Amino acid sequence: MSDSETAKETFESRSDKLHKILIERHKRRIVQLADVMGPHMGCQLENESELQESSANNPEKKEKKEDEPEKPAAKIIVRNDYMQNFINTSLRPQNYIREVHPLVRFAEYPKLQHLAQLKDAIVDAYATPPMYIKANLRREGLDNLLGGVRFDVILIDPPLKEYCEWSPPTITNCPDPVRPYWTWEEIGALAIEDLAATPSFIFIWVGDCEGLDQGRSLLRKWGYRRCEDICWVKTNKTWPGTPLMASPSVFQHTKEHCLMGIRGTVRRSTDGHFIHCNVDTDVIIAEEPEDLTTRKPEELYYLIEHFCMGRRRLELFGNDWNIRRGWITVGLGLSTTNWDRDRYIRWLRGEGAAQGTPYVRGGLLVPTTPDIEAVRPKSPPLSVRKGPRRGII
């Protein structure tokens, strides 16, 4: 035997030993990983040692024919079986998506994190004190309630029928003394067009069923064009379980949609004083209320305030938990009323000092700053723009 053949045999022998050592090491790591990740961790392991063990137990396969093809190399597959874990524990797969909260989402992106902090600070500095009106919108006209004030942003969270279908049998989730939900025809009868400024934006929660089509029809009726579809992916980290399924449902519903509409003409490239685009995403991953109320994630407020610089913001069908600085909230679920039209107008004019609220700054728009302009995403010029047109959120 020549020296080259001896060296080759020695090399192959050492390679086989090293290969077996690596397989054993990977097996131990997989077992440790499965112990840490729990029942939602599924593993498939197929290696040479298992093949050798099976061939040893089967004498007929022990002898290898010369023309038999070589067996494939060792293969290790690590797989997360979140759907099986959902069946076993009722914990939804989206529970394991990391860094979903706005405060930690951009931890590894300093520029975006700095932008979010700057936007939060300027919005808070120009927020008017919260105002609210306890009213039954079936009986009282919106124009009379609000005194003809026009709004830059209108947020609508109607008590839909589907909410009452999967909620416990109580009207506390859809409060109304007449009927615990509103039909789409009744929602469409609201005079939203009388409250909307031009330009302005509307956000309406439409659930996860027929509302996707009905919501688009409402936007057209009120004079809006649909421009975005914001999706709330619901987690249940704190309460393993699932809500009741409505009778026509085939799957477990773990998401809801909020349609966004635009009224008038707004261009990203020229209207930077009114909108700041591409600051947030159109997906919200947040916990579903354990008591199955119709409460929506607070992140939507941040998304709206970061995007639209208009200060006149209105929310319809609100509850006490919806009261927020910079917003006017209207709904039957509120405890009391503090709405004062004249005072609100004076705040917007910068006359807060005369009312004992000198910290309220005037103006119809939240101003921008050089720091915000330096870091916020902007539309590229037409000469370098490539690909399909992007959304505005």
Protein backbone atom coordinates (compact mmCIF):
# COMPACT_ATOMS: atom_id res chain seq x y z
CA MET A 1 0.00 0.00 0.00
CA SER A 2 1.41 3.34 -1.02
CA ASP A 3 1.85 6.27 1.31
CA SER A 4 -0.91 8.21 -0.44
CA GLU A 5 -3.39 5.37 0.03
CA THR A 6 -2.44 5.07 3.70
CA ALA A 7 -2.88 8.79 4.24
CA LYS A 8 -6.24 8.70 2.49
CA GLU A 9 -7.45 5.82 4.67
CA THR A 10 -6.27 7.60 7.82
CA PHE A 11 -8.04 10.79 6.75
CA GLU A 12 -11.31 8.94 6.07
CA SER A 13 -11.10 7.18 9.43
CA ARG A 14 -10.60 10.46 11.26
CA SER A 15 -13.45 12.05 9.29
CA ASP A 16 -15.80 9.25 10.31
CA LYS A 17 -14.87 9.67 13.96
CA LEU A 18 -15.30 13.43 13.80
CA HIS A 19 -18.63 12.97 12.05
CA LYS A 20 -19.92 10.70 14.83
CA ILE A 21 -18.72 13.10 17.52
CA LEU A 22 -20.55 16.01 15.88
CA ILE A 23 -23.75 13.97 15.59
CA GLU A 24 -23.69 13.08 19.28
CA ARG A 25 -23.02 16.69 20.20
CA HIS A 26 -25.95 17.91 18.07
CA LYS A 27 -28.23 15.31 19.63
CA ARG A 28 -27.43 16.57 23.13
CA ARG A 29 -28.03 20.17 22.07
CA ILE A 30 -31.39 19.31 20.51
CA VAL A 31 -32.52 17.56 23.69
CA GLN A 32 -31.48 20.58 25.75
CA LEU A 33 -33.26 22.92 23.32
CA ALA A 34 -36.45 20.87 23.52
CA ASP A 35 -36.36 21.03 27.34
CA VAL A 36 -36.06 24.82 27.23
CA MET A 37 -38.69 25.55 24.57
CA GLY A 38 -41.30 23.18 25.96
CA PRO A 39 -44.06 21.24 24.20
CA HIS A 40 -44.23 23.47 21.13
CA MET A 41 -40.76 22.29 20.11
CA GLY A 42 -40.90 19.45 17.60
CA CYS A 43 -37.71 17.71 16.46
CA GLN A 44 -36.90 15.15 13.81
CA LEU A 45 -33.49 13.48 14.05
CA GLU A 46 -32.10 11.05 11.55
CA ASN A 47 -28.40 10.13 11.71
CA GLU A 48 -25.93 7.40 11.01
CA SER A 49 -26.09 5.87 14.49
CA GLU A 50 -29.83 5.25 14.08
CA LEU A 51 -29.27 3.75 10.66
CA GLN A 52 -26.56 1.49 12.03
CA GLU A 53 -28.81 0.40 14.91
CA SER A 54 -31.65 -0.47 12.56
CA SER A 55 -29.34 -2.44 10.28
CA ALA A 56 -27.90 -4.34 13.25
CA ASN A 57 -31.39 -5.46 14.28
CA ASN A 58 -32.15 -6.55 10.73
CA PRO A 59 -29.56 -9.13 9.54
CA GLU A 60 -30.96 -9.10 6.00
CA LYS A 61 -29.88 -5.47 5.58
CA LYS A 62 -26.52 -5.93 7.26
CA GLU A 63 -24.70 -6.96 4.12
CA LYS A 64 -24.26 -4.13 1.71
CA LYS A 65 -24.20 -4.81 -1.98
CA GLU A 66 -21.54 -3.28 -4.11
CA ASP A 67 -24.00 -1.69 -6.51
CA GLU A 68 -26.25 -0.35 -3.71
CA PRO A 69 -26.20 3.50 -3.63
CA GLU A 70 -24.66 5.15 -0.63
CA LYS A 71 -26.98 6.28 2.12
CA PRO A 72 -27.45 10.01 2.49
CA ALA A 73 -25.36 11.89 4.97
CA ALA A 74 -26.60 12.51 8.47
CA LYS A 75 -29.55 14.90 8.57
CA ILE A 76 -30.79 16.91 11.52
CA ILE A 77 -34.08 18.82 11.28
CA VAL A 78 -35.21 21.16 14.04
CA ARG A 79 -38.79 22.35 13.65
CA ASN A 80 -41.10 24.53 15.75
CA ASP A 81 -44.59 23.03 15.76
CA TYR A 82 -46.59 25.98 17.06
CA MET A 83 -49.86 24.72 15.60
CA GLN A 84 -49.60 21.47 17.51
CA ASN A 85 -48.81 23.48 20.61
CA PHE A 86 -51.98 25.53 20.01
CA ILE A 87 -54.02 22.32 19.87
CA ASN A 88 -52.43 21.08 23.08
CA THR A 89 -52.44 24.29 25.13
CA SER A 90 -54.69 26.83 23.28
CA LEU A 91 -51.71 29.23 23.18
CA ARG A 92 -51.73 30.91 19.79
CA PRO A 93 -48.66 30.76 17.51
CA GLN A 94 -48.40 34.57 17.39
CA ASN A 95 -47.67 34.57 21.13
CA TYR A 96 -44.07 33.69 20.32
CA ILE A 97 -43.35 36.63 18.02
CA ARG A 98 -40.77 38.71 19.84
CA GLU A 99 -40.39 42.46 20.33
CA VAL A 100 -43.93 43.40 19.33
CA HIS A 101 -44.46 46.23 21.84
CA PRO A 102 -43.77 49.70 20.41
CA LEU A 103 -41.33 50.50 23.23
CA VAL A 104 -38.99 47.61 22.35
CA ARG A 105 -39.78 47.02 18.68
CA PHE A 106 -36.95 49.21 17.38
CA ALA A 107 -34.36 48.34 20.02
CA GLU A 108 -31.95 47.17 17.32
CA TYR A 109 -32.77 50.09 14.99
CA PRO A 110 -31.56 53.24 16.77
CA LYS A 111 -32.73 55.60 14.03
CA LEU A 112 -36.33 54.36 14.08
CA GLN A 113 -36.36 54.23 17.86
CA HIS A 114 -35.16 57.83 18.04
CA LEU A 115 -37.86 58.85 15.55
CA ALA A 116 -40.60 57.20 17.64
CA GLN A 117 -39.38 59.00 20.75
CA LEU A 118 -39.32 62.37 18.96
CA LYS A 119 -42.83 61.83 17.60
CA ASP A 120 -44.21 60.84 21.01
CA ALA A 121 -42.69 63.93 22.60
CA ILE A 122 -44.05 66.42 20.06
CA VAL A 123 -47.53 64.83 20.01
CA ASP A 124 -47.71 64.94 23.80
CA ALA A 125 -46.57 68.57 23.86
CA TYR A 126 -49.41 69.64 21.54
CA ALA A 127 -52.17 67.40 22.92
CA THR A 128 -55.31 69.15 24.15
CA PRO A 129 -56.92 68.02 27.43
CA PRO A 130 -59.31 65.09 26.90
CA MET A 131 -62.96 65.85 26.22
CA TYR A 132 -65.86 63.41 26.07
CA ILE A 133 -69.61 63.25 25.51
CA LYS A 134 -71.95 60.60 26.90
CA ALA A 135 -74.55 60.17 24.18
CA ASN A 136 -76.71 57.60 22.40
CA LEU A 137 -75.76 58.02 18.75
CA ARG A 138 -79.03 56.43 17.62
CA ARG A 139 -81.01 59.30 19.07
CA GLU A 140 -78.72 62.33 18.88
CA GLY A 141 -77.22 63.83 15.75
CA LEU A 142 -73.45 64.15 15.58
CA ASP A 143 -73.53 67.65 14.11
CA ASN A 144 -75.68 68.91 16.98
CA LEU A 145 -73.53 67.20 19.59
CA LEU A 146 -70.25 68.65 18.33
CA GLY A 147 -71.44 72.06 17.21
CA GLY A 148 -70.24 71.85 13.63
CA VAL A 149 -66.56 71.20 14.44
CA ARG A 150 -64.68 69.47 11.61
CA PHE A 151 -62.06 66.82 12.35
CA ASP A 152 -58.80 65.72 10.75
CA VAL A 153 -59.08 62.15 12.08
CA ILE A 154 -62.21 60.15 12.91
CA LEU A 155 -61.90 56.75 14.63
CA ILE A 156 -65.00 54.52 14.72
CA ASP A 157 -65.30 51.34 16.80
CA PRO A 158 -68.94 50.29 16.30
CA PRO A 159 -70.56 47.51 18.38
CA LEU A 160 -70.82 44.98 15.58
CA LYS A 161 -73.07 41.94 15.60
CA GLU A 162 -70.12 39.57 15.37
CA TYR A 163 -68.76 40.91 18.67
CA CYS A 164 -71.97 39.86 20.38
CA GLU A 165 -71.89 36.45 18.70
CA TRP A 166 -68.57 35.38 20.21
CA SER A 167 -68.79 37.39 23.43
CA PRO A 168 -70.51 36.14 26.61
CA PRO A 169 -74.29 36.65 26.59
CA THR A 170 -74.29 40.11 28.13
CA ILE A 171 -74.80 43.60 26.71
CA THR A 172 -71.82 44.99 28.62
CA ASN A 173 -69.63 44.27 25.61
CA CYS A 174 -71.94 46.20 23.25
CA PRO A 175 -73.68 48.67 25.58
CA ASP A 176 -77.01 49.93 24.32
CA PRO A 177 -80.38 49.88 26.06
CA VAL A 178 -82.24 49.22 22.79
CA ARG A 179 -80.20 46.44 21.17
CA PRO A 180 -76.67 45.21 21.93
CA TYR A 181 -75.31 45.82 18.41
CA TRP A 182 -75.57 48.12 15.40
CA THR A 183 -76.38 46.96 11.89
CA TRP A 184 -74.31 48.16 8.95
CA GLU A 185 -77.28 50.20 7.71
CA GLU A 186 -77.48 52.04 11.04
CA ILE A 187 -73.74 52.73 11.01
CA GLY A 188 -74.01 54.05 7.46
CA ALA A 189 -76.78 56.44 8.54
CA LEU A 190 -74.32 58.38 10.74
CA ALA A 191 -73.57 61.77 9.19
CA ILE A 192 -69.80 61.28 9.15
CA GLU A 193 -69.42 63.46 6.06
CA ASP A 194 -70.69 66.43 8.10
CA LEU A 195 -67.82 66.01 10.59
CA ALA A 196 -64.94 65.40 8.20
CA ALA A 197 -62.53 68.13 7.19
CA THR A 198 -60.88 68.15 3.77
CA PRO A 199 -58.38 66.57 3.70
CA SER A 200 -58.94 64.10 6.53
CA PHE A 201 -58.65 60.43 7.45
CA ILE A 202 -61.00 57.85 8.90
CA PHE A 203 -60.26 54.59 10.73
CA ILE A 204 -63.11 52.11 11.24
CA TRP A 205 -62.95 48.70 12.93
CA VAL A 206 -64.85 46.18 10.79
CA GLY A 207 -64.22 42.87 12.59
CA ASP A 208 -63.16 39.77 10.67
CA CYS A 209 -66.24 38.71 8.69
CA GLU A 210 -68.49 40.61 6.32
CA GLY A 211 -67.16 43.92 7.60
CA LEU A 212 -64.32 43.93 5.07
CA ASP A 213 -66.85 44.44 2.27
CA GLN A 214 -69.37 46.47 4.26
CA GLY A 215 -66.65 48.78 5.56
CA ARG A 216 -65.51 49.66 2.04
CA SER A 217 -69.09 50.52 1.12
CA LEU A 218 -69.36 52.84 4.13
CA LEU A 219 -66.14 54.62 3.19
CA ARG A 220 -67.48 55.31 -0.30
CA LYS A 221 -70.80 56.53 1.10
CA TRP A 222 -69.05 59.01 3.41
CA GLY A 223 -66.76 60.32 0.67
CA TYR A 224 -63.55 58.43 1.54
CA ARG A 225 -61.23 56.24 -0.50
CA ARG A 226 -59.83 53.13 1.16
CA CYS A 227 -56.05 53.39 1.32
CA GLU A 228 -54.91 50.91 4.01
CA ASP A 229 -56.04 47.80 5.88
CA ILE A 230 -54.60 47.61 9.39
CA CYS A 231 -54.67 44.11 10.90
CA TRP A 232 -54.73 43.38 14.64
CA VAL A 233 -53.26 39.92 15.32
CA LYS A 234 -54.55 38.87 18.75
CA THR A 235 -52.36 37.08 21.28
CA ASN A 236 -53.48 35.26 24.44
CA LYS A 237 -50.32 35.04 26.52
CA THR A 238 -52.06 35.78 29.84
CA TRP A 239 -55.15 33.58 29.42
CA PRO A 240 -54.76 30.28 27.54
CA GLY A 241 -58.08 29.76 25.85
CA THR A 242 -60.19 30.93 22.96
CA PRO A 243 -63.41 32.95 22.64
CA LEU A 244 -66.68 31.42 21.66
CA MET A 245 -67.03 30.72 17.94
CA ALA A 246 -69.84 32.35 16.01
CA SER A 247 -72.21 29.95 14.27
CA PRO A 248 -70.96 30.59 10.68
CA SER A 249 -67.28 30.37 11.66
CA VAL A 250 -65.07 27.62 10.26
CA PHE A 251 -61.77 28.66 11.88
CA GLN A 252 -60.80 30.25 15.15
CA HIS A 253 -60.75 34.00 14.55
CA THR A 254 -57.61 35.55 16.04
CA LYS A 255 -57.45 38.82 14.10
CA GLU A 256 -59.48 41.92 13.29
CA HIS A 257 -59.29 44.56 10.58
CA CYS A 258 -59.35 48.34 10.74
CA LEU A 259 -59.94 50.03 7.39
CA MET A 260 -58.34 53.40 6.75
CA GLY A 261 -59.83 55.91 4.34
CA ILE A 262 -58.67 59.24 2.95
CA ARG A 263 -60.82 62.23 2.01
CA GLY A 264 -59.46 64.84 -0.35
CA THR A 265 -56.02 64.89 -1.95
CA VAL A 266 -52.87 64.26 0.10
CA ARG A 267 -49.46 63.63 -1.46
CA ARG A 268 -46.57 62.18 0.47
CA SER A 269 -43.99 64.19 -1.44
CA THR A 270 -45.56 67.62 -0.89
CA ASP A 271 -47.78 67.39 2.21
CA GLY A 272 -45.17 66.60 4.84
CA HIS A 273 -46.74 69.23 7.10
CA PHE A 274 -49.92 67.09 7.36
CA ILE A 275 -48.78 63.46 7.07
CA HIS A 276 -45.62 61.53 7.93
CA CYS A 277 -45.66 58.26 6.00
CA ASN A 278 -43.94 54.92 6.61
CA VAL A 279 -43.32 55.61 10.30
CA ASP A 280 -45.30 52.55 11.47
CA THR A 281 -46.52 49.26 10.01
CA ASP A 282 -50.03 48.04 9.16
CA VAL A 283 -49.84 45.06 11.54
CA ILE A 284 -50.54 45.31 15.27
CA ILE A 285 -49.70 42.32 17.47
CA ALA A 286 -51.31 42.83 20.86
CA GLU A 287 -53.09 40.93 23.64
CA GLU A 288 -56.79 40.24 23.32
CA PRO A 289 -58.72 41.28 26.47
CA GLU A 290 -59.24 38.34 28.77
CA ASP A 291 -62.78 39.48 29.58
CA LEU A 292 -63.58 39.50 25.83
CA THR A 293 -64.65 43.14 25.77
CA THR A 294 -64.48 45.15 22.56
CA ARG A 295 -61.42 47.05 23.78
CA LYS A 296 -58.90 47.60 21.00
CA PRO A 297 -55.08 47.87 21.27
CA GLU A 298 -53.72 51.23 22.34
CA GLU A 299 -51.08 51.04 19.63
CA LEU A 300 -53.60 52.26 17.06
CA TYR A 301 -53.61 55.67 18.75
CA TYR A 302 -49.83 55.89 18.39
CA LEU A 303 -50.08 54.89 14.74
CA ILE A 304 -52.66 57.60 14.02
CA GLU A 305 -50.83 60.32 15.97
CA HIS A 306 -47.50 59.50 14.33
CA PHE A 307 -49.05 59.54 10.87
CA CYS A 308 -51.48 62.49 10.77
CA MET A 309 -50.33 65.85 12.10
CA GLY A 310 -53.88 67.20 12.45
CA ARG A 311 -54.84 67.93 16.07
CA ARG A 312 -58.62 67.58 15.70
CA ARG A 313 -59.25 63.93 16.54
CA LEU A 314 -62.62 62.30 17.22
CA GLU A 315 -63.53 58.78 18.40
CA LEU A 316 -67.07 57.40 18.16
CA PHE A 317 -68.60 54.57 20.23
CA GLY A 318 -66.00 55.18 22.94
CA ASN A 319 -65.93 53.97 26.53
CA ASP A 320 -64.21 55.28 29.65
CA TRP A 321 -61.03 53.40 28.75
CA ASN A 322 -60.87 55.30 25.44
CA ILE A 323 -60.55 58.76 27.02
CA ARG A 324 -57.22 60.17 25.86
CA ARG A 325 -55.38 63.47 25.68
CA GLY A 326 -55.70 65.08 22.27
CA TRP A 327 -58.99 63.31 21.51
CA ILE A 328 -62.74 63.94 21.78
CA THR A 329 -64.56 60.73 22.71
CA VAL A 330 -68.29 60.18 22.10
CA GLY A 331 -70.26 57.12 23.18
CA LEU A 332 -72.89 55.60 25.40
CA GLY A 333 -70.28 53.72 27.41
CA LEU A 334 -68.88 56.92 28.94
CA SER A 335 -69.72 57.89 32.51
CA THR A 336 -70.17 61.64 32.07
CA THR A 337 -69.70 64.64 29.75
CA ASN A 338 -67.22 67.53 29.83
CA TRP A 339 -67.51 68.77 26.22
CA ASP A 340 -67.25 72.53 25.75
CA ARG A 341 -67.14 73.58 22.11
CA ASP A 342 -66.05 77.18 22.69
CA ARG A 343 -63.27 76.13 25.02
CA TYR A 344 -62.01 73.56 22.55
CA ILE A 345 -61.92 76.14 19.75
CA ARG A 346 -59.98 78.58 21.94
CA TRP A 347 -57.43 75.86 22.71
CA LEU A 348 -56.84 75.34 19.01
CA ARG A 349 -56.42 79.09 18.57
CA GLY A 350 -53.76 79.22 21.27
CA GLU A 351 -55.91 81.03 23.84
CA GLY A 352 -55.33 78.53 26.61
CA ALA A 353 -53.75 81.08 28.95
CA ALA A 354 -57.05 82.94 29.18
CA GLN A 355 -58.75 79.71 30.29
CA GLY A 356 -56.25 78.72 32.95
CA THR A 357 -54.52 76.16 30.70
CA PRO A 358 -51.41 77.98 29.45
CA TYR A 359 -49.65 74.68 28.67
CA VAL A 360 -52.05 74.03 25.76
CA ARG A 361 -50.38 75.24 22.58
CA GLY A 362 -52.32 76.60 19.65
CA GLY A 363 -52.52 75.59 16.02
CA LEU A 364 -54.48 73.09 13.94
CA LEU A 365 -51.37 71.00 13.22
CA VAL A 366 -48.72 69.28 15.30
CA PRO A 367 -45.51 70.90 14.07
CA THR A 368 -42.48 68.98 12.93
CA THR A 369 -38.88 69.63 13.97
CA PRO A 370 -35.52 69.53 12.17
CA ASP A 371 -34.61 66.39 14.13
CA ILE A 372 -37.77 64.61 12.99
CA GLU A 373 -37.25 65.69 9.39
CA ALA A 374 -33.69 64.38 9.50
CA VAL A 375 -34.65 60.82 10.49
CA ARG A 376 -38.20 60.20 9.22
CA PRO A 377 -38.68 58.19 5.99
CA LYS A 378 -39.45 60.30 2.94
CA SER A 379 -40.70 59.47 -0.53
CA PRO A 380 -37.87 59.19 -3.08
CA PRO A 381 -37.99 61.43 -6.16
CA LEU A 382 -39.76 60.03 -9.21
CA SER A 383 -36.46 59.65 -11.07
CA VAL A 384 -35.20 57.01 -8.64
CA ARG A 385 -38.46 55.42 -7.52
CA LYS A 386 -38.69 51.74 -8.44
CA GLY A 387 -41.26 49.02 -8.01
CA PRO A 388 -44.97 49.29 -7.17
CA ARG A 389 -46.37 52.17 -5.18
CA ARG A 390 -46.12 51.62 -1.44
CA GLY A 391 -48.70 52.29 1.27
CA ILE A 392 -48.75 55.43 3.36
CA ILE A 393 -48.65 53.97 6.86
